[in-house]
Amino acid sequence: MRTFTVDLWEGWQYRGNLGDGFRPSMDAYLLKSETPRPAALILPGSGYLRCSPREAETLAVRFNAEGFHAFILWYSCEPRRHPVPILDCARALTLIRELSTEWTLNSGRIVLMGFSAGGHLALSTLLFASRDFAASPGINPLCTSAQALVLCYPVITSGEFANRASFNRLLGEELDPDLLTLLSLENQISGNLPPVFLWHTYTDQSVPVENSLLLAGALRRAGIPLEMHIFPEGKHGMSLAIAETSAGDSGFINPHVAQWFPLCVNWLKLRRWKE
C-alpha cells in the first residue's frame, strides 16, 4: 500500500485563503494493484468546526481491506464559509478522476462517504454541481459525480430538526434565509443522485434521526435507490462503533451499530462494486 497527502489546490487559487496557513488536503491510501480498483472518498464530520480523525484513517484502512483505494478529505471548516467546502470536495473528485490512470483507479466506481456535516457536504456537492457557486478553476464539472453515496448520521435539514451549530458555522451568524433554505437538502433532491446507503441511530441527540427520515422520504419520491438502517441506540458520532474509533469513550462502542460497515460493503457488492 502507498500513502501520501495531496495539497488540493496546489497550482490553483484556493478561495478559502484567509492568510492563516490552512490548506485543505487529501490523504490517499492506494493499494498495490495491476487492475483498476474502486475508490472511496471519505468526508469526516464535526459540524463544520473541524474534520474528526475518528471518522478518517480507520475507515480508509477498512476500505483497503475490502479492495478499495481510499481517500480522506480534510476540507475547509469554520471560519471558512459556504461554498468553500463544496469547492474542496469537487476539487477532490476532480483530482481522483484526473489521476485515475496513474493511481490504477476505476473512475466509474467511486463511492462518496460523509459523516454528520461531512454527509451534508457530500450530498451538497452532488446536488449543486451545476450551480455557479460550485464552479472554480481546478474543478472539472464532468468529474464531480459519484456512483454511490454513503451517508452516516448526516446533517440534512435546516428546519425544525436542524443541527443549528453546523449551519451557523457554514453560513456565519448572520444567516441568509434564502441560502439557509437552499441548504436544507431534503428539499433539493432530484433524480440525478446515485444510489444511497443511509444510517442513523434513533437516540442521536445532536443530529436528530428526523434528518435521515426526511431525506429517505425525499429519495423515495425522487425514485433514488436506498438502503437505510436505523439502529435503536447510540449517540451522535459513532463512526465504526468499535474500540479503535472510540477515542477511549465507551459510549462510542456498540457491536450492533458496528454492523453498518459490513452491511455497506455487502450493499456495494450487490451493486457489483467489488470484484
Protein backbone atom coordinates (compact mmCIF):
# COMPACT_ATOMS: atom_id res chain seq x y z
CA MET A 1 0.00 0.00 0.00
CA ARG A 2 1.13 3.53 -0.76
CA THR A 3 0.07 6.51 1.38
CA PHE A 4 0.63 10.18 0.75
CA THR A 5 -1.01 13.58 1.16
CA VAL A 6 -2.07 15.89 -1.66
CA ASP A 7 -2.46 19.67 -1.40
CA LEU A 8 -5.89 20.01 -3.01
CA TRP A 9 -5.35 23.42 -4.56
CA GLU A 10 -1.68 23.27 -5.48
CA GLY A 11 -1.31 25.26 -8.68
CA TRP A 12 -4.79 26.76 -8.35
CA GLN A 13 -6.35 29.59 -6.37
CA TYR A 14 -7.75 28.46 -3.02
CA ARG A 15 -10.82 30.59 -2.38
CA GLY A 16 -10.72 29.89 1.35
CA ASN A 17 -7.32 31.51 1.85
CA LEU A 18 -7.52 33.70 4.98
CA GLY A 19 -3.78 34.10 5.45
CA ASP A 20 -3.63 31.70 8.40
CA GLY A 21 -1.68 28.98 6.63
CA PHE A 22 -4.50 26.45 6.38
CA ARG A 23 -4.61 24.37 3.19
CA PRO A 24 -7.25 21.72 2.53
CA SER A 25 -5.68 18.37 1.73
CA MET A 26 -6.48 14.80 0.78
CA ASP A 27 -4.81 11.71 2.22
CA ALA A 28 -4.50 8.82 -0.24
CA TYR A 29 -4.37 5.13 0.72
CA LEU A 30 -3.62 3.28 -2.51
CA LEU A 31 -3.43 -0.47 -2.82
CA LYS A 32 -0.76 -2.10 -4.93
CA SER A 33 -2.74 -3.32 -7.93
CA GLU A 34 -2.30 -4.15 -11.59
CA THR A 35 -6.01 -3.74 -12.31
CA PRO A 36 -8.08 -0.60 -11.63
CA ARG A 37 -9.70 -0.59 -8.20
CA PRO A 38 -12.88 1.10 -6.98
CA ALA A 39 -12.32 4.02 -4.63
CA ALA A 40 -13.94 5.64 -1.60
CA LEU A 41 -13.67 9.34 -0.79
CA ILE A 42 -14.34 9.84 2.93
CA LEU A 43 -15.55 13.15 4.39
CA PRO A 44 -15.26 13.22 8.22
CA GLY A 45 -17.73 15.23 10.28
CA SER A 46 -17.78 17.59 13.28
CA GLY A 47 -20.33 20.25 12.45
CA TYR A 48 -18.17 22.25 10.01
CA LEU A 49 -15.96 23.08 13.01
CA ARG A 50 -13.19 20.65 12.04
CA CYS A 51 -12.76 17.21 10.47
CA SER A 52 -12.85 14.45 13.06
CA PRO A 53 -9.92 11.99 12.96
CA ARG A 54 -12.27 9.36 14.44
CA GLU A 55 -14.03 9.22 11.06
CA ALA A 56 -10.93 9.12 8.91
CA GLU A 57 -7.94 6.77 8.74
CA THR A 58 -9.57 3.71 10.28
CA LEU A 59 -12.32 3.95 7.67
CA ALA A 60 -9.72 4.18 4.91
CA VAL A 61 -7.95 1.07 6.19
CA ARG A 62 -11.25 -0.82 6.36
CA PHE A 63 -11.99 0.09 2.76
CA ASN A 64 -8.49 -1.03 1.76
CA ALA A 65 -9.20 -4.41 3.36
CA GLU A 66 -12.26 -4.68 1.12
CA GLY A 67 -10.26 -3.99 -2.04
CA PHE A 68 -10.88 -0.25 -2.41
CA HIS A 69 -8.44 2.57 -2.78
CA ALA A 70 -9.39 5.16 -0.14
CA PHE A 71 -9.07 8.91 0.24
CA ILE A 72 -9.73 11.20 3.22
CA LEU A 73 -10.68 14.80 2.54
CA TRP A 74 -9.59 17.37 5.13
CA TYR A 75 -11.91 20.08 3.86
CA SER A 76 -12.36 23.72 4.84
CA CYS A 77 -14.34 24.43 8.01
CA GLU A 78 -15.06 27.48 10.21
CA PRO A 79 -14.12 30.32 9.76
CA ARG A 80 -14.39 29.50 6.06
CA ARG A 81 -17.93 29.66 4.74
CA HIS A 82 -20.13 28.22 2.03
CA PRO A 83 -19.36 27.39 -0.76
CA VAL A 84 -15.68 26.76 0.06
CA PRO A 85 -16.23 23.22 1.44
CA ILE A 86 -18.18 22.28 -1.70
CA LEU A 87 -15.32 23.53 -3.85
CA ASP A 88 -12.90 21.38 -1.85
CA CYS A 89 -14.99 18.26 -2.36
CA ALA A 90 -15.49 18.94 -6.07
CA ARG A 91 -11.75 19.52 -6.45
CA ALA A 92 -11.02 16.21 -4.67
CA LEU A 93 -13.34 14.30 -7.02
CA THR A 94 -11.73 16.05 -9.99
CA LEU A 95 -8.25 15.04 -8.83
CA ILE A 96 -9.25 11.44 -8.26
CA ARG A 97 -10.64 11.14 -11.76
CA GLU A 98 -7.87 13.09 -13.48
CA LEU A 99 -5.23 10.86 -11.85
CA SER A 100 -7.19 7.62 -12.13
CA THR A 101 -4.76 6.06 -14.61
CA GLU A 102 -1.69 6.94 -12.54
CA TRP A 103 -3.39 5.62 -9.40
CA THR A 104 -4.80 2.45 -11.09
CA LEU A 105 -8.29 3.51 -10.16
CA ASN A 106 -11.64 2.73 -11.77
CA SER A 107 -13.13 6.20 -12.25
CA GLY A 108 -16.54 4.65 -12.87
CA ARG A 109 -16.66 3.18 -9.36
CA ILE A 110 -16.29 5.99 -6.87
CA VAL A 111 -18.21 5.97 -3.60
CA LEU A 112 -18.60 9.24 -1.72
CA MET A 113 -19.00 8.79 2.05
CA GLY A 114 -19.83 11.51 4.56
CA PHE A 115 -20.28 11.57 8.32
CA SER A 116 -22.52 14.14 10.04
CA ALA A 117 -21.64 17.54 8.50
CA GLY A 118 -19.46 15.60 6.07
CA GLY A 119 -22.66 13.92 4.92
CA HIS A 120 -24.21 17.33 4.32
CA LEU A 121 -21.14 18.29 2.31
CA ALA A 122 -21.13 15.06 0.28
CA LEU A 123 -24.78 15.42 -0.67
CA SER A 124 -24.44 19.17 -1.31
CA THR A 125 -21.54 18.58 -3.69
CA LEU A 126 -23.60 16.20 -5.81
CA LEU A 127 -26.79 18.26 -5.69
CA PHE A 128 -25.22 21.62 -6.53
CA ALA A 129 -22.56 20.53 -9.04
CA SER A 130 -24.08 22.66 -11.81
CA ARG A 131 -24.59 25.82 -9.72
CA ASP A 132 -22.44 28.86 -10.38
CA PHE A 133 -21.17 28.89 -6.78
CA ALA A 134 -19.76 25.36 -7.27
CA ALA A 135 -17.57 26.41 -10.22
CA SER A 136 -13.90 27.30 -9.87
CA PRO A 137 -10.67 26.88 -11.85
CA GLY A 138 -9.32 23.44 -10.97
CA ILE A 139 -12.77 21.84 -10.93
CA ASN A 140 -13.97 19.83 -13.90
CA PRO A 141 -17.78 19.60 -13.67
CA LEU A 142 -17.64 16.37 -15.69
CA CYS A 143 -15.57 14.80 -12.90
CA THR A 144 -17.59 15.67 -9.79
CA SER A 145 -20.07 12.79 -9.73
CA ALA A 146 -20.07 9.57 -7.70
CA GLN A 147 -21.60 6.19 -8.40
CA ALA A 148 -22.68 5.54 -4.81
CA LEU A 149 -23.34 7.78 -1.83
CA VAL A 150 -22.95 6.63 1.80
CA LEU A 151 -24.34 8.96 4.46
CA CYS A 152 -23.67 8.29 8.13
CA TYR A 153 -25.89 10.16 10.63
CA PRO A 154 -25.91 13.12 8.21
CA VAL A 155 -26.85 16.72 8.78
CA ILE A 156 -29.64 17.28 6.25
CA THR A 157 -32.29 19.78 7.28
CA SER A 158 -32.10 23.44 8.30
CA GLY A 159 -35.70 23.27 9.51
CA GLU A 160 -37.29 22.06 12.75
CA PHE A 161 -34.81 19.23 13.32
CA ALA A 162 -31.65 21.10 12.32
CA ASN A 163 -28.28 20.90 13.97
CA ARG A 164 -28.11 24.70 14.19
CA ALA A 165 -24.41 24.90 15.01
CA SER A 166 -23.48 23.28 11.68
CA PHE A 167 -25.40 25.87 9.68
CA ASN A 168 -24.11 28.75 11.80
CA ARG A 169 -20.54 27.69 11.11
CA LEU A 170 -21.16 27.08 7.43
CA LEU A 171 -23.02 30.34 6.77
CA GLY A 172 -21.95 32.66 9.59
CA GLU A 173 -24.04 34.09 12.39
CA GLU A 174 -25.93 36.48 10.08
CA LEU A 175 -27.72 33.78 8.15
CA ASP A 176 -29.06 34.47 4.68
CA PRO A 177 -32.58 32.96 4.88
CA ASP A 178 -32.65 32.05 1.19
CA LEU A 179 -29.30 30.29 1.43
CA LEU A 180 -30.37 28.54 4.63
CA THR A 181 -33.44 27.23 2.78
CA LEU A 182 -31.34 26.13 -0.20
CA LEU A 183 -29.03 24.13 2.05
CA SER A 184 -31.93 22.24 3.64
CA LEU A 185 -31.16 19.31 1.42
CA GLU A 186 -34.34 17.30 1.81
CA ASN A 187 -35.96 19.96 -0.38
CA GLN A 188 -33.34 19.76 -3.13
CA ILE A 189 -33.38 16.06 -4.02
CA SER A 190 -33.55 15.23 -7.72
CA GLY A 191 -33.45 12.06 -9.77
CA ASN A 192 -29.81 12.64 -10.71
CA LEU A 193 -28.35 11.21 -7.50
CA PRO A 194 -26.62 7.82 -7.32
CA PRO A 195 -27.93 5.00 -5.09
CA VAL A 196 -27.70 5.85 -1.39
CA PHE A 197 -26.76 3.87 1.73
CA LEU A 198 -28.02 5.75 4.80
CA TRP A 199 -27.80 5.03 8.51
CA HIS A 200 -28.54 6.79 11.78
CA THR A 201 -29.17 5.98 15.45
CA TYR A 202 -32.62 6.54 16.90
CA THR A 203 -31.27 8.17 20.06
CA ASP A 204 -28.96 10.70 18.34
CA GLN A 205 -29.42 13.94 20.30
CA SER A 206 -27.12 16.17 18.24
CA VAL A 207 -28.40 15.43 14.74
CA PRO A 208 -31.90 14.00 15.25
CA VAL A 209 -32.87 10.90 13.31
CA GLU A 210 -35.51 13.00 11.55
CA ASN A 211 -32.68 14.30 9.35
CA SER A 212 -32.33 10.85 7.80
CA LEU A 213 -36.08 10.21 7.80
CA LEU A 214 -36.72 13.43 5.89
CA LEU A 215 -34.01 12.53 3.41
CA ALA A 216 -35.35 9.00 2.97
CA GLY A 217 -38.80 10.37 2.11
CA ALA A 218 -37.32 12.75 -0.43
CA LEU A 219 -35.22 10.00 -2.02
CA ARG A 220 -38.30 7.79 -2.22
CA ARG A 221 -40.27 10.49 -4.01
CA ALA A 222 -37.41 11.04 -6.45
CA GLY A 223 -37.05 7.33 -7.18
CA ILE A 224 -33.47 7.08 -5.88
CA PRO A 225 -32.47 3.55 -4.76
CA LEU A 226 -31.92 3.48 -1.00
CA GLU A 227 -30.76 1.10 1.71
CA MET A 228 -31.44 2.57 5.15
CA HIS A 229 -30.68 1.38 8.69
CA ILE A 230 -31.92 2.95 11.93
CA PHE A 231 -30.15 1.48 14.95
CA PRO A 232 -32.12 1.70 18.23
CA GLU A 233 -29.33 3.07 20.43
CA GLY A 234 -26.17 5.10 20.01
CA LYS A 235 -25.11 8.70 20.41
CA HIS A 236 -24.01 11.02 17.66
CA GLY A 237 -20.66 10.36 16.05
CA MET A 238 -20.49 6.58 16.42
CA SER A 239 -18.06 6.19 13.49
CA LEU A 240 -17.34 2.44 13.17
CA ALA A 241 -18.73 1.89 16.71
CA ILE A 242 -15.62 -0.09 17.68
CA ALA A 243 -12.87 0.49 20.25
CA GLU A 244 -10.41 1.70 17.62
CA THR A 245 -12.63 4.69 16.74
CA SER A 246 -13.90 5.37 20.27
CA ALA A 247 -11.08 7.69 21.43
CA GLY A 248 -11.38 5.99 24.82
CA ASP A 249 -15.11 6.72 25.19
CA SER A 250 -17.07 3.50 25.71
CA GLY A 251 -20.20 5.30 24.54
CA PHE A 252 -18.80 5.08 21.02
CA ILE A 253 -18.61 1.27 21.16
CA ASN A 254 -21.70 -0.67 20.15
CA PRO A 255 -21.45 -4.08 18.40
CA HIS A 256 -24.96 -3.76 16.99
CA VAL A 257 -24.26 -0.38 15.39
CA ALA A 258 -20.90 -1.70 14.17
CA GLN A 259 -22.80 -3.87 11.71
CA TRP A 260 -23.31 -0.86 9.46
CA PHE A 261 -19.94 -1.16 7.73
CA PRO A 262 -20.28 -4.83 6.70
CA LEU A 263 -23.83 -4.03 5.59
CA CYS A 264 -22.48 -1.16 3.49
CA VAL A 265 -19.81 -3.34 1.89
CA ASN A 266 -22.42 -6.00 1.08
CA TRP A 267 -24.60 -3.31 -0.47
CA LEU A 268 -21.70 -2.24 -2.66
CA LYS A 269 -21.03 -5.86 -3.63
CA LEU A 270 -24.65 -6.25 -4.71
CA ARG A 271 -24.09 -3.25 -6.94
CA ARG A 272 -21.06 -5.09 -8.42
CA TRP A 273 -18.58 -2.66 -6.92
CA LYS A 274 -16.17 -5.25 -5.61
CA GLU A 275 -14.70 -7.90 -7.87
